[in-house]
Amino acid sequence: MFGDQVVAAAMIDRIVHHADVLTLKGASYRLRGRGVNSLPSVMMTTEDTS
């Protein structure tokens, strides 16, 4: 959209500079009905906890 990664990064930085980060817990409404309880990047296996 911006054509240049540096310009895009600068624009995103300006937009989120004063933003508040919200951490949401619970099942994803977007993934409901797809047989997925959470995103793969946040799912933990028993191997990860050791």
C-alpha atoms as a PDB file:
ATOM      1  CA  MET A   1       0.000   0.000   0.000  1.00  0.00           C
ATOM      2  CA  PHE A   2       2.792   2.449   0.870  1.00  0.00           C
ATOM      3  CA  GLY A   3       5.280   1.007  -1.628  1.00  0.00           C
ATOM      4  CA  ASP A   4       8.243   1.173   0.755  1.00  0.00           C
ATOM      5  CA  GLN A   5       8.793  -0.875   3.910  1.00  0.00           C
ATOM      6  CA  VAL A   6      10.539   2.004   5.710  1.00  0.00           C
ATOM      7  CA  VAL A   7       7.636   4.391   5.057  1.00  0.00           C
ATOM      8  CA  ALA A   8       5.104   1.716   6.090  1.00  0.00           C
ATOM      9  CA  ALA A   9       7.001   1.035   9.336  1.00  0.00           C
ATOM     10  CA  ALA A  10       7.156   4.770  10.094  1.00  0.00           C
ATOM     11  CA  MET A  11       3.419   5.200   9.487  1.00  0.00           C
ATOM     12  CA  ILE A  12       2.544   2.229  11.705  1.00  0.00           C
ATOM     13  CA  ASP A  13       4.864   3.572  14.410  1.00  0.00           C
ATOM     14  CA  ARG A  14       3.078   6.949  14.310  1.00  0.00           C
ATOM     15  CA  ILE A  15      -0.343   5.312  14.489  1.00  0.00           C
ATOM     16  CA  VAL A  16       0.388   3.000  17.432  1.00  0.00           C
ATOM     17  CA  HIS A  17       2.677   5.353  19.378  1.00  0.00           C
ATOM     18  CA  HIS A  18      -0.071   6.408  21.794  1.00  0.00           C
ATOM     19  CA  ALA A  19      -2.109   3.217  21.522  1.00  0.00           C
ATOM     20  CA  ASP A  20      -3.057   1.062  24.491  1.00  0.00           C
ATOM     21  CA  VAL A  21      -2.310  -2.647  24.200  1.00  0.00           C
ATOM     22  CA  LEU A  22      -5.236  -4.908  25.097  1.00  0.00           C
ATOM     23  CA  THR A  23      -4.572  -8.518  26.006  1.00  0.00           C
ATOM     24  CA  LEU A  24      -7.600 -10.670  25.381  1.00  0.00           C
ATOM     25  CA  LYS A  25      -8.073 -14.086  26.925  1.00  0.00           C
ATOM     26  CA  GLY A  26     -10.421 -16.855  25.968  1.00  0.00           C
ATOM     27  CA  ALA A  27     -11.416 -18.634  22.811  1.00  0.00           C
ATOM     28  CA  SER A  28     -11.215 -16.752  19.531  1.00  0.00           C
ATOM     29  CA  TYR A  29     -14.593 -15.785  18.085  1.00  0.00           C
ATOM     30  CA  ARG A  30     -13.009 -15.740  14.632  1.00  0.00           C
ATOM     31  CA  LEU A  31     -11.790 -19.358  14.925  1.00  0.00           C
ATOM     32  CA  ARG A  32     -15.061 -20.650  16.380  1.00  0.00           C
ATOM     33  CA  GLY A  33     -16.534 -23.519  14.400  1.00  0.00           C
ATOM     34  CA  ARG A  34     -13.262 -24.348  12.634  1.00  0.00           C
ATOM     35  CA  GLY A  35     -12.129 -26.994  15.115  1.00  0.00           C
ATOM     36  CA  VAL A  36      -9.288 -24.757  16.343  1.00  0.00           C
ATOM     37  CA  ASN A  37      -9.184 -23.594  19.961  1.00  0.00           C
ATOM     38  CA  SER A  38      -6.332 -21.098  19.565  1.00  0.00           C
ATOM     39  CA  LEU A  39      -3.725 -19.927  17.101  1.00  0.00           C
ATOM     40  CA  PRO A  40      -0.698 -22.203  16.581  1.00  0.00           C
ATOM     41  CA  SER A  41       1.699 -19.471  17.747  1.00  0.00           C
ATOM     42  CA  VAL A  42       0.115 -19.407  21.218  1.00  0.00           C
ATOM     43  CA  MET A  43      -0.708 -23.087  21.664  1.00  0.00           C
ATOM     44  CA  MET A  44       1.538 -24.893  24.127  1.00  0.00           C
ATOM     45  CA  THR A  45       2.398 -28.556  23.984  1.00  0.00           C
ATOM     46  CA  THR A  46       3.593 -30.684  26.879  1.00  0.00           C
ATOM     47  CA  GLU A  47       7.122 -30.505  25.395  1.00  0.00           C
ATOM     48  CA  ASP A  48       7.139 -26.691  25.687  1.00  0.00           C
ATOM     49  CA  THR A  49       6.446 -26.716  29.436  1.00  0.00           C
ATOM     50  CA  SER A  50       9.541 -28.720  30.431  1.00  0.00           C
END
